[in-house]
Structures are given as C-alpha cells and as structure tokens.
Amino acid sequence: MQTEMAGAPETAAILEALKADRATARERQSALERQIREEARRLRSADGTGSLGFQLLPSCVGCA
C-alpha cells in the first residue's frame, strides 16, 4: 500500500506527512524518556550522596 501511495503524486505527500507524524511521536517519546532519566539523575544527586535522601530507620526486633 505504501508503495502504491508513494507512486501517485497526490498521495505521496499524504504518505510523507504520515511518516513525519510517526517520527515526531517517536522523537517526543525519546525526549520524554530522556527527561525522566535526567530528573532521576538529578534527584539521586540532590544530596550529593547519590541516594534519594530517604532515611532508613533501624529495624525494631521485638517491638510489637
């Protein structure tokens, strides 16, 4: 079907537009994933130790 559309001048432009939209969606997805990774990296390094800043509480054996 794509080959047929590419061969006809009136549908070739439509085919190119469809391909451009898919590339754009793919680029948006890649950009979103990159932003998530950057934000996670920023959060991990926010306190300089590479952790997210959670404080672990000592376990309480026999507290209950």
N, C-alpha and C. Protein backbone atom coordinates (compact mmCIF):
# COMPACT_ATOMS: atom_id res chain seq x y z
N MET A 1 0.82 -1.18 0.00
CA MET A 1 0.00 0.00 0.00
C MET A 1 0.88 1.26 0.00
N GLN A 2 1.95 1.26 0.82
CA GLN A 2 2.83 2.42 0.84
C GLN A 2 3.50 2.64 -0.51
N THR A 3 3.84 1.55 -1.18
CA THR A 3 4.48 1.66 -2.50
C THR A 3 3.51 2.30 -3.49
N GLU A 4 2.24 1.90 -3.43
CA GLU A 4 1.23 2.48 -4.31
C GLU A 4 1.05 3.96 -4.02
N MET A 5 1.01 4.31 -2.73
CA MET A 5 0.84 5.71 -2.36
C MET A 5 2.04 6.55 -2.77
N ALA A 6 3.24 5.99 -2.64
CA ALA A 6 4.45 6.72 -2.99
C ALA A 6 4.52 6.98 -4.49
N GLY A 7 3.91 6.10 -5.28
CA GLY A 7 3.96 6.24 -6.72
C GLY A 7 3.01 7.29 -7.27
N ALA A 8 1.97 7.59 -6.56
CA ALA A 8 1.00 8.58 -7.04
C ALA A 8 1.31 9.94 -6.43
N PRO A 9 1.43 10.97 -7.26
CA PRO A 9 1.80 12.30 -6.74
C PRO A 9 0.81 12.86 -5.72
N GLU A 10 -0.48 12.59 -5.90
CA GLU A 10 -1.47 13.15 -4.98
C GLU A 10 -1.45 12.48 -3.61
N THR A 11 -0.98 11.24 -3.52
CA THR A 11 -0.94 10.55 -2.23
C THR A 11 0.46 10.50 -1.63
N ALA A 12 1.47 10.83 -2.41
CA ALA A 12 2.85 10.81 -1.89
C ALA A 12 3.02 11.81 -0.75
N ALA A 13 2.41 12.97 -0.88
CA ALA A 13 2.50 13.99 0.17
C ALA A 13 1.82 13.51 1.45
N ILE A 14 0.70 12.82 1.30
CA ILE A 14 0.00 12.28 2.47
C ILE A 14 0.86 11.24 3.16
N LEU A 15 1.49 10.37 2.37
CA LEU A 15 2.36 9.34 2.92
C LEU A 15 3.53 9.96 3.68
N GLU A 16 4.14 10.99 3.12
CA GLU A 16 5.25 11.67 3.78
C GLU A 16 4.79 12.32 5.08
N ALA A 17 3.60 12.90 5.08
CA ALA A 17 3.07 13.52 6.30
C ALA A 17 2.84 12.48 7.38
N LEU A 18 2.34 11.31 6.99
CA LEU A 18 2.12 10.25 7.97
C LEU A 18 3.44 9.77 8.56
N LYS A 19 4.45 9.63 7.71
CA LYS A 19 5.76 9.21 8.21
C LYS A 19 6.35 10.26 9.13
N ALA A 20 6.17 11.53 8.81
CA ALA A 20 6.69 12.61 9.65
C ALA A 20 6.02 12.59 11.01
N ASP A 21 4.71 12.33 11.06
CA ASP A 21 4.00 12.28 12.34
C ASP A 21 4.52 11.15 13.21
N ARG A 22 4.80 10.00 12.60
CA ARG A 22 5.32 8.88 13.40
C ARG A 22 6.70 9.21 13.94
N ALA A 23 7.54 9.83 13.13
CA ALA A 23 8.86 10.21 13.59
C ALA A 23 8.74 11.23 14.72
N THR A 24 7.82 12.15 14.59
CA THR A 24 7.63 13.16 15.61
C THR A 24 7.16 12.53 16.92
N ALA A 25 6.25 11.59 16.84
CA ALA A 25 5.79 10.90 18.04
C ALA A 25 6.94 10.12 18.67
N ARG A 26 7.74 9.48 17.85
CA ARG A 26 8.89 8.74 18.34
C ARG A 26 9.89 9.69 19.01
N GLU A 27 10.10 10.84 18.40
CA GLU A 27 11.01 11.83 18.99
C GLU A 27 10.46 12.36 20.31
N ARG A 28 9.14 12.57 20.38
CA ARG A 28 8.54 13.02 21.65
C ARG A 28 8.71 11.98 22.73
N GLN A 29 8.54 10.71 22.39
CA GLN A 29 8.71 9.63 23.35
C GLN A 29 10.15 9.57 23.83
N SER A 30 11.10 9.69 22.91
CA SER A 30 12.52 9.66 23.29
C SER A 30 12.85 10.84 24.19
N ALA A 31 12.33 12.01 23.86
CA ALA A 31 12.59 13.19 24.68
C ALA A 31 12.01 13.02 26.08
N LEU A 32 10.82 12.45 26.17
CA LEU A 32 10.20 12.22 27.48
C LEU A 32 11.03 11.25 28.31
N GLU A 33 11.49 10.16 27.68
CA GLU A 33 12.32 9.20 28.40
C GLU A 33 13.63 9.84 28.85
N ARG A 34 14.21 10.68 28.01
CA ARG A 34 15.45 11.37 28.36
C ARG A 34 15.22 12.31 29.55
N GLN A 35 14.09 13.03 29.55
CA GLN A 35 13.78 13.93 30.65
C GLN A 35 13.57 13.16 31.95
N ILE A 36 12.94 12.01 31.88
CA ILE A 36 12.73 11.20 33.08
C ILE A 36 14.07 10.73 33.64
N ARG A 37 14.96 10.26 32.76
CA ARG A 37 16.29 9.84 33.22
C ARG A 37 17.07 10.99 33.84
N GLU A 38 16.99 12.17 33.22
CA GLU A 38 17.70 13.33 33.76
C GLU A 38 17.14 13.74 35.12
N GLU A 39 15.83 13.70 35.26
CA GLU A 39 15.21 14.04 36.55
C GLU A 39 15.59 13.03 37.62
N ALA A 40 15.60 11.75 37.28
CA ALA A 40 16.01 10.73 38.24
C ALA A 40 17.47 10.93 38.65
N ARG A 41 18.31 11.25 37.68
CA ARG A 41 19.73 11.51 37.98
C ARG A 41 19.86 12.72 38.89
N ARG A 42 19.06 13.76 38.61
CA ARG A 42 19.11 14.97 39.44
C ARG A 42 18.64 14.68 40.86
N LEU A 43 17.59 13.90 40.99
CA LEU A 43 17.09 13.57 42.33
C LEU A 43 18.09 12.72 43.10
N ARG A 44 18.73 11.79 42.41
CA ARG A 44 19.72 10.94 43.10
C ARG A 44 20.91 11.74 43.58
N SER A 45 21.29 12.76 42.83
CA SER A 45 22.47 13.52 43.21
C SER A 45 22.13 14.79 43.98
N ALA A 46 20.88 14.99 44.34
CA ALA A 46 20.46 16.21 45.03
C ALA A 46 21.16 16.40 46.36
N ASP A 47 21.38 15.31 47.09
CA ASP A 47 22.03 15.45 48.39
C ASP A 47 23.51 15.11 48.33
N GLY A 48 24.02 14.88 47.14
CA GLY A 48 25.44 14.63 46.98
C GLY A 48 25.89 13.22 47.29
N THR A 49 25.00 12.37 47.76
CA THR A 49 25.39 11.01 48.10
C THR A 49 24.95 10.00 47.06
N GLY A 50 24.13 10.45 46.10
CA GLY A 50 23.65 9.53 45.09
C GLY A 50 22.39 8.80 45.50
N SER A 51 21.89 9.05 46.69
CA SER A 51 20.65 8.41 47.12
C SER A 51 19.50 9.38 46.92
N LEU A 52 18.31 8.94 47.15
CA LEU A 52 17.15 9.80 47.01
C LEU A 52 16.87 10.60 48.28
N GLY A 53 17.70 10.43 49.29
CA GLY A 53 17.55 11.20 50.51
C GLY A 53 16.64 10.57 51.53
N PHE A 54 16.26 9.32 51.34
CA PHE A 54 15.42 8.65 52.33
C PHE A 54 16.28 8.18 53.48
N GLN A 55 15.77 8.34 54.66
CA GLN A 55 16.48 7.88 55.84
C GLN A 55 15.92 6.53 56.23
N LEU A 56 16.78 5.56 56.32
CA LEU A 56 16.35 4.22 56.73
C LEU A 56 16.29 4.17 58.25
N LEU A 57 15.19 3.67 58.75
CA LEU A 57 15.02 3.55 60.19
C LEU A 57 15.58 2.19 60.64
N PRO A 58 16.15 2.15 61.82
CA PRO A 58 16.66 0.86 62.31
C PRO A 58 15.50 -0.12 62.51
N SER A 59 15.75 -1.37 62.22
CA SER A 59 14.68 -2.35 62.39
C SER A 59 14.45 -2.56 63.88
N CYS A 60 13.24 -2.82 64.21
CA CYS A 60 12.87 -2.98 65.60
C CYS A 60 12.49 -4.44 65.82
N VAL A 61 13.43 -5.22 66.29
CA VAL A 61 13.16 -6.63 66.55
C VAL A 61 12.46 -6.73 67.89
N GLY A 62 11.26 -7.28 67.86
CA GLY A 62 10.52 -7.47 69.10
C GLY A 62 9.82 -6.23 69.61
N CYS A 63 9.59 -5.22 68.77
CA CYS A 63 8.93 -4.00 69.21
C CYS A 63 7.44 -4.20 69.44
N ALA A 64 6.84 -5.11 68.75
CA ALA A 64 5.38 -5.23 68.85
C ALA A 64 4.93 -6.04 69.99
